[in-house]
N, C-alpha and C. Protein backbone atom coordinates (compact mmCIF):
# COMPACT_ATOMS: atom_id res chain seq x y z
N MET A 1 -5.29 -6.87 -30.05
CA MET A 1 -5.10 -7.09 -28.62
C MET A 1 -5.84 -5.98 -27.86
N SER A 2 -6.54 -6.36 -26.82
CA SER A 2 -7.31 -5.38 -26.07
C SER A 2 -6.44 -4.70 -25.01
N THR A 3 -6.79 -3.48 -24.70
CA THR A 3 -6.06 -2.72 -23.70
C THR A 3 -6.58 -3.08 -22.32
N THR A 4 -5.88 -2.66 -21.31
CA THR A 4 -6.32 -2.88 -19.93
C THR A 4 -7.69 -2.25 -19.72
N SER A 5 -7.89 -1.06 -20.26
CA SER A 5 -9.18 -0.38 -20.12
C SER A 5 -10.30 -1.18 -20.77
N ASP A 6 -10.04 -1.77 -21.93
CA ASP A 6 -11.05 -2.58 -22.60
C ASP A 6 -11.40 -3.82 -21.78
N ARG A 7 -10.38 -4.46 -21.23
CA ARG A 7 -10.63 -5.66 -20.42
C ARG A 7 -11.40 -5.30 -19.15
N LEU A 8 -11.04 -4.20 -18.52
CA LEU A 8 -11.74 -3.76 -17.31
C LEU A 8 -13.18 -3.40 -17.63
N ALA A 9 -13.40 -2.66 -18.70
CA ALA A 9 -14.76 -2.29 -19.09
C ALA A 9 -15.59 -3.53 -19.38
N GLY A 10 -15.00 -4.53 -20.03
CA GLY A 10 -15.72 -5.76 -20.33
C GLY A 10 -16.08 -6.52 -19.06
N ALA A 11 -15.17 -6.56 -18.10
CA ALA A 11 -15.43 -7.29 -16.86
C ALA A 11 -16.49 -6.60 -16.01
N LEU A 12 -16.60 -5.29 -16.11
CA LEU A 12 -17.54 -4.53 -15.29
C LEU A 12 -18.81 -4.11 -16.04
N ARG A 13 -18.94 -4.55 -17.26
CA ARG A 13 -20.00 -4.09 -18.16
C ARG A 13 -21.39 -4.16 -17.55
N ASP A 14 -21.71 -5.19 -16.78
CA ASP A 14 -23.06 -5.33 -16.22
C ASP A 14 -23.29 -4.46 -14.99
N ARG A 15 -22.24 -3.89 -14.44
CA ARG A 15 -22.41 -3.14 -13.19
C ARG A 15 -22.01 -1.67 -13.29
N TYR A 16 -21.01 -1.37 -14.10
CA TYR A 16 -20.48 -0.01 -14.15
C TYR A 16 -20.18 0.40 -15.58
N VAL A 17 -20.14 1.69 -15.80
CA VAL A 17 -19.72 2.25 -17.08
C VAL A 17 -18.49 3.11 -16.81
N ILE A 18 -17.40 2.84 -17.49
CA ILE A 18 -16.21 3.67 -17.35
C ILE A 18 -16.33 4.81 -18.35
N GLU A 19 -16.54 6.01 -17.83
CA GLU A 19 -16.74 7.16 -18.71
C GLU A 19 -15.43 7.72 -19.22
N ARG A 20 -14.43 7.73 -18.36
CA ARG A 20 -13.12 8.22 -18.78
C ARG A 20 -12.09 7.78 -17.76
N GLU A 21 -10.85 7.78 -18.16
CA GLU A 21 -9.76 7.40 -17.27
C GLU A 21 -9.09 8.65 -16.73
N LEU A 22 -8.70 8.57 -15.48
CA LEU A 22 -7.89 9.63 -14.88
C LEU A 22 -6.47 9.11 -14.75
N GLY A 23 -5.50 9.89 -15.06
CA GLY A 23 -4.11 9.50 -14.87
C GLY A 23 -3.64 8.47 -15.86
N GLN A 24 -2.52 7.83 -15.50
CA GLN A 24 -1.89 6.88 -16.40
C GLN A 24 -1.63 5.54 -15.73
N GLY A 25 -2.46 5.17 -14.79
CA GLY A 25 -2.33 3.87 -14.14
C GLY A 25 -1.50 3.92 -12.88
N GLY A 26 -1.62 2.89 -12.11
CA GLY A 26 -0.91 2.76 -10.85
C GLY A 26 -1.67 1.78 -9.98
N MET A 27 -1.08 1.45 -8.83
CA MET A 27 -1.76 0.55 -7.91
C MET A 27 -1.48 0.97 -6.48
N ALA A 28 -2.22 0.38 -5.57
CA ALA A 28 -2.12 0.66 -4.14
C ALA A 28 -2.32 2.15 -3.84
N PRO A 29 -3.43 2.72 -4.30
CA PRO A 29 -3.65 4.15 -4.06
C PRO A 29 -3.96 4.43 -2.60
N LEU A 30 -3.53 5.58 -2.13
CA LEU A 30 -3.78 5.99 -0.75
C LEU A 30 -3.87 7.51 -0.71
N TRP A 31 -4.93 8.01 -0.12
CA TRP A 31 -5.11 9.45 0.00
C TRP A 31 -4.24 10.00 1.12
N ALA A 32 -3.70 11.19 0.90
CA ALA A 32 -2.99 11.91 1.96
C ALA A 32 -4.02 12.38 2.98
N ARG A 33 -3.57 12.68 4.17
CA ARG A 33 -4.47 13.12 5.24
C ARG A 33 -5.24 14.39 4.86
N ASN A 34 -4.65 15.22 3.99
CA ASN A 34 -5.32 16.47 3.62
C ASN A 34 -6.44 16.27 2.60
N GLY A 35 -6.54 15.07 2.01
CA GLY A 35 -7.61 14.77 1.07
C GLY A 35 -7.43 15.38 -0.31
N HIS A 36 -6.29 16.02 -0.58
CA HIS A 36 -6.07 16.66 -1.88
C HIS A 36 -4.87 16.09 -2.63
N GLU A 37 -4.27 15.04 -2.08
CA GLU A 37 -3.10 14.44 -2.70
C GLU A 37 -3.26 12.94 -2.67
N LEU A 38 -2.89 12.29 -3.77
CA LEU A 38 -3.01 10.85 -3.89
C LEU A 38 -1.63 10.25 -4.07
N PHE A 39 -1.32 9.23 -3.27
CA PHE A 39 -0.07 8.48 -3.39
C PHE A 39 -0.40 7.14 -4.04
N TYR A 40 0.49 6.64 -4.88
CA TYR A 40 0.30 5.34 -5.50
C TYR A 40 1.64 4.84 -6.01
N MET A 41 1.68 3.56 -6.33
CA MET A 41 2.88 2.97 -6.87
C MET A 41 2.67 2.70 -8.35
N ASP A 42 3.66 3.04 -9.16
CA ASP A 42 3.53 2.75 -10.59
C ASP A 42 4.16 1.39 -10.90
N ALA A 43 4.10 0.98 -12.15
CA ALA A 43 4.56 -0.35 -12.55
C ALA A 43 6.06 -0.55 -12.36
N SER A 44 6.84 0.52 -12.26
CA SER A 44 8.29 0.37 -12.07
C SER A 44 8.68 0.50 -10.60
N ARG A 45 7.70 0.34 -9.68
CA ARG A 45 7.90 0.37 -8.23
C ARG A 45 8.34 1.73 -7.72
N GLU A 46 7.94 2.77 -8.40
CA GLU A 46 8.23 4.12 -7.91
C GLU A 46 7.00 4.64 -7.18
N MET A 47 7.21 5.21 -5.99
CA MET A 47 6.13 5.82 -5.25
C MET A 47 5.87 7.18 -5.87
N MET A 48 4.63 7.37 -6.30
CA MET A 48 4.24 8.57 -7.02
C MET A 48 3.27 9.39 -6.17
N THR A 49 3.13 10.65 -6.51
CA THR A 49 2.12 11.50 -5.90
C THR A 49 1.58 12.45 -6.96
N THR A 50 0.33 12.83 -6.76
CA THR A 50 -0.28 13.85 -7.60
C THR A 50 -1.35 14.54 -6.78
N THR A 51 -1.60 15.78 -7.06
CA THR A 51 -2.70 16.46 -6.41
C THR A 51 -3.98 16.16 -7.18
N VAL A 52 -5.09 16.19 -6.49
CA VAL A 52 -6.38 15.90 -7.11
C VAL A 52 -7.34 17.02 -6.73
N GLY A 53 -7.90 17.66 -7.73
CA GLY A 53 -8.86 18.73 -7.48
C GLY A 53 -10.18 18.17 -6.98
N SER A 54 -11.01 19.03 -6.46
CA SER A 54 -12.31 18.58 -5.96
C SER A 54 -13.40 18.91 -6.97
N GLY A 55 -14.59 18.43 -6.71
CA GLY A 55 -15.71 18.72 -7.59
C GLY A 55 -16.06 17.56 -8.49
N ALA A 56 -17.03 17.79 -9.36
CA ALA A 56 -17.53 16.74 -10.25
C ALA A 56 -16.51 16.35 -11.32
N ASP A 57 -15.61 17.23 -11.67
CA ASP A 57 -14.61 16.95 -12.70
C ASP A 57 -13.22 17.17 -12.11
N PRO A 58 -12.72 16.23 -11.30
CA PRO A 58 -11.44 16.45 -10.62
C PRO A 58 -10.27 16.50 -11.59
N ALA A 59 -9.46 17.52 -11.47
CA ALA A 59 -8.27 17.66 -12.31
C ALA A 59 -7.07 17.09 -11.55
N LEU A 60 -6.24 16.35 -12.27
CA LEU A 60 -5.02 15.81 -11.68
C LEU A 60 -3.88 16.77 -11.89
N GLY A 61 -3.07 16.95 -10.85
CA GLY A 61 -1.89 17.79 -10.97
C GLY A 61 -0.74 17.03 -11.62
N GLN A 62 0.40 17.63 -11.63
CA GLN A 62 1.60 17.01 -12.20
C GLN A 62 2.00 15.80 -11.36
N ARG A 63 2.26 14.67 -12.02
CA ARG A 63 2.75 13.48 -11.31
C ARG A 63 4.19 13.72 -10.89
N ARG A 64 4.53 13.20 -9.71
CA ARG A 64 5.88 13.41 -9.20
C ARG A 64 6.37 12.12 -8.54
N VAL A 65 7.61 11.73 -8.84
CA VAL A 65 8.21 10.56 -8.21
C VAL A 65 8.74 10.97 -6.85
N LEU A 66 8.35 10.23 -5.81
CA LEU A 66 8.86 10.49 -4.48
C LEU A 66 10.11 9.67 -4.19
N PHE A 67 10.03 8.36 -4.48
CA PHE A 67 11.16 7.46 -4.28
C PHE A 67 10.82 6.13 -4.91
N ARG A 68 11.82 5.29 -5.06
CA ARG A 68 11.60 3.93 -5.57
C ARG A 68 11.47 3.00 -4.39
N LEU A 69 10.47 2.11 -4.44
CA LEU A 69 10.28 1.15 -3.36
C LEU A 69 11.37 0.09 -3.41
N PRO A 70 12.00 -0.19 -2.28
CA PRO A 70 13.00 -1.25 -2.27
C PRO A 70 12.34 -2.60 -2.53
N ASP A 71 13.13 -3.58 -2.95
CA ASP A 71 12.58 -4.88 -3.31
C ASP A 71 12.00 -5.63 -2.12
N ASP A 72 12.43 -5.29 -0.89
CA ASP A 72 11.90 -6.02 0.27
C ASP A 72 10.61 -5.44 0.82
N VAL A 73 10.04 -4.45 0.13
CA VAL A 73 8.70 -3.98 0.48
C VAL A 73 7.73 -4.85 -0.28
N TYR A 74 6.77 -5.41 0.44
CA TYR A 74 5.80 -6.29 -0.20
C TYR A 74 5.04 -5.53 -1.27
N MET A 75 5.05 -6.01 -2.48
CA MET A 75 4.22 -5.44 -3.54
C MET A 75 4.60 -6.11 -4.84
N SER A 76 3.62 -6.66 -5.49
CA SER A 76 3.85 -7.22 -6.81
C SER A 76 2.58 -6.97 -7.62
N LEU A 77 2.63 -7.24 -8.87
CA LEU A 77 1.48 -7.02 -9.73
C LEU A 77 0.33 -7.97 -9.42
N THR A 78 0.59 -9.02 -8.63
CA THR A 78 -0.48 -9.96 -8.29
C THR A 78 -1.01 -9.75 -6.88
N GLU A 79 -0.46 -8.82 -6.12
CA GLU A 79 -0.93 -8.55 -4.76
C GLU A 79 -1.80 -7.31 -4.79
N PHE A 80 -2.95 -7.41 -4.19
CA PHE A 80 -3.91 -6.32 -4.24
C PHE A 80 -4.17 -5.77 -2.84
N TYR A 81 -3.22 -5.11 -2.29
CA TYR A 81 -3.37 -4.43 -1.02
C TYR A 81 -2.39 -3.27 -1.00
N THR A 82 -2.51 -2.43 -0.04
CA THR A 82 -1.62 -1.28 0.07
C THR A 82 -0.63 -1.55 1.20
N PRO A 83 0.64 -1.78 0.88
CA PRO A 83 1.63 -2.14 1.90
C PRO A 83 2.26 -0.94 2.60
N PHE A 84 1.57 0.20 2.56
CA PHE A 84 2.12 1.38 3.19
C PHE A 84 0.99 2.25 3.71
N ASP A 85 1.35 3.17 4.56
CA ASP A 85 0.40 4.17 5.05
C ASP A 85 1.17 5.46 5.22
N VAL A 86 0.44 6.54 5.33
CA VAL A 86 1.07 7.84 5.51
C VAL A 86 0.75 8.32 6.92
N ALA A 87 1.78 8.59 7.69
CA ALA A 87 1.60 9.06 9.06
C ALA A 87 1.09 10.50 9.05
N PRO A 88 0.49 10.95 10.15
CA PRO A 88 -0.02 12.33 10.21
C PRO A 88 1.03 13.39 9.89
N ASP A 89 2.31 13.08 10.18
CA ASP A 89 3.37 14.05 9.88
C ASP A 89 3.88 13.95 8.45
N GLY A 90 3.26 13.07 7.63
CA GLY A 90 3.64 12.97 6.22
C GLY A 90 4.66 11.89 5.91
N ARG A 91 5.22 11.24 6.92
CA ARG A 91 6.19 10.17 6.67
C ARG A 91 5.46 8.91 6.24
N PHE A 92 6.16 8.05 5.50
CA PHE A 92 5.59 6.79 5.04
C PHE A 92 5.95 5.68 6.00
N LEU A 93 5.00 4.79 6.24
CA LEU A 93 5.21 3.57 7.00
C LEU A 93 5.02 2.43 6.02
N MET A 94 5.99 1.52 5.94
CA MET A 94 5.94 0.47 4.93
C MET A 94 6.04 -0.91 5.56
N ALA A 95 5.35 -1.88 4.96
CA ALA A 95 5.48 -3.28 5.34
C ALA A 95 6.66 -3.85 4.58
N ARG A 96 7.60 -4.40 5.30
CA ARG A 96 8.78 -4.96 4.67
C ARG A 96 8.87 -6.45 4.92
N SER A 97 9.52 -7.14 4.04
CA SER A 97 9.75 -8.56 4.21
C SER A 97 10.66 -8.77 5.41
N VAL A 98 10.33 -9.73 6.26
CA VAL A 98 11.13 -9.95 7.46
C VAL A 98 12.23 -10.98 7.26
N SER A 99 12.24 -11.65 6.14
CA SER A 99 13.29 -12.63 5.91
C SER A 99 13.98 -12.37 4.59
N GLN A 100 15.21 -12.69 4.56
CA GLN A 100 16.01 -12.58 3.35
C GLN A 100 16.27 -13.99 2.82
N PRO A 101 16.47 -14.14 1.52
CA PRO A 101 16.76 -15.47 0.98
C PRO A 101 17.94 -16.10 1.70
N GLY A 102 17.77 -17.35 2.14
CA GLY A 102 18.85 -18.06 2.82
C GLY A 102 18.94 -17.77 4.31
N ALA A 103 18.14 -16.83 4.82
CA ALA A 103 18.20 -16.50 6.25
C ALA A 103 17.46 -17.55 7.07
N VAL A 104 17.93 -17.78 8.28
CA VAL A 104 17.26 -18.69 9.20
C VAL A 104 16.13 -17.93 9.87
N GLN A 105 14.94 -18.52 9.88
CA GLN A 105 13.80 -17.86 10.49
C GLN A 105 13.65 -18.34 11.92
N ALA A 106 13.57 -17.41 12.86
CA ALA A 106 13.38 -17.75 14.26
C ALA A 106 11.89 -17.85 14.55
N PRO A 107 11.49 -18.77 15.42
CA PRO A 107 10.06 -18.88 15.75
C PRO A 107 9.62 -17.70 16.61
N LEU A 108 8.34 -17.40 16.52
CA LEU A 108 7.74 -16.37 17.36
C LEU A 108 7.18 -17.08 18.58
N ILE A 109 7.62 -16.68 19.77
CA ILE A 109 7.15 -17.30 21.00
C ILE A 109 6.29 -16.29 21.75
N VAL A 110 5.05 -16.67 22.03
CA VAL A 110 4.12 -15.82 22.76
C VAL A 110 3.90 -16.45 24.12
N VAL A 111 4.09 -15.67 25.17
CA VAL A 111 3.91 -16.16 26.54
C VAL A 111 2.71 -15.46 27.14
N ASP A 112 1.65 -16.24 27.40
CA ASP A 112 0.48 -15.70 28.09
C ASP A 112 0.76 -15.60 29.58
N ASN A 113 0.16 -14.64 30.24
CA ASN A 113 0.30 -14.47 31.70
C ASN A 113 1.76 -14.41 32.13
N TRP A 114 2.52 -13.62 31.43
CA TRP A 114 3.96 -13.53 31.66
C TRP A 114 4.28 -13.14 33.10
N PHE A 115 3.58 -12.13 33.64
CA PHE A 115 3.86 -11.70 35.00
C PHE A 115 3.51 -12.78 36.02
N THR A 116 2.43 -13.53 35.79
CA THR A 116 2.05 -14.62 36.69
C THR A 116 3.15 -15.67 36.71
N GLU A 117 3.63 -16.05 35.55
CA GLU A 117 4.71 -17.03 35.48
C GLU A 117 5.98 -16.51 36.13
N LEU A 118 6.29 -15.23 35.93
CA LEU A 118 7.48 -14.64 36.54
C LEU A 118 7.38 -14.68 38.06
N ARG A 119 6.22 -14.31 38.60
CA ARG A 119 6.04 -14.32 40.06
C ARG A 119 6.20 -15.74 40.62
N GLN A 120 5.65 -16.74 39.91
CA GLN A 120 5.77 -18.12 40.36
C GLN A 120 7.23 -18.56 40.35
N ARG A 121 7.94 -18.17 39.34
CA ARG A 121 9.36 -18.58 39.25
C ARG A 121 10.21 -17.88 40.30
N LEU A 122 9.77 -16.68 40.70
CA LEU A 122 10.51 -15.95 41.74
C LEU A 122 10.01 -16.31 43.15
N GLY A 123 8.99 -17.20 43.22
CA GLY A 123 8.48 -17.63 44.51
C GLY A 123 7.55 -16.60 45.15
N GLN A 124 7.01 -15.71 44.37
CA GLN A 124 6.07 -14.70 44.89
C GLN A 124 4.68 -15.03 44.41
N ARG A 125 3.70 -14.56 45.16
CA ARG A 125 2.30 -14.76 44.72
C ARG A 125 1.69 -13.46 44.38
């Protein structure tokens, strides 16, 4: 059975050469604002962080678990996007599911020219 690295190398064979792997896997990577720390989610839905050195041979620091992502944060092994961002103050902003199983979904109503309609209803121009 081939490893993930073997399958990836085979798929990219005509375009890229994988010289070596850094770290132990993860998805949805996002750089911290300082450019020296990388956030990512591992396969068990834990938000991880590690420092990354600069230069031609970047060294990875110790991996650290920050927190476990709740189940209502969008993210699965088949979704390829980053459902979070890091605010300038270091806090995380996350995309969460807006509906729960069995919940009634309310429609989204958008009113164009709201002030114009309000003035007309109040008899003002």
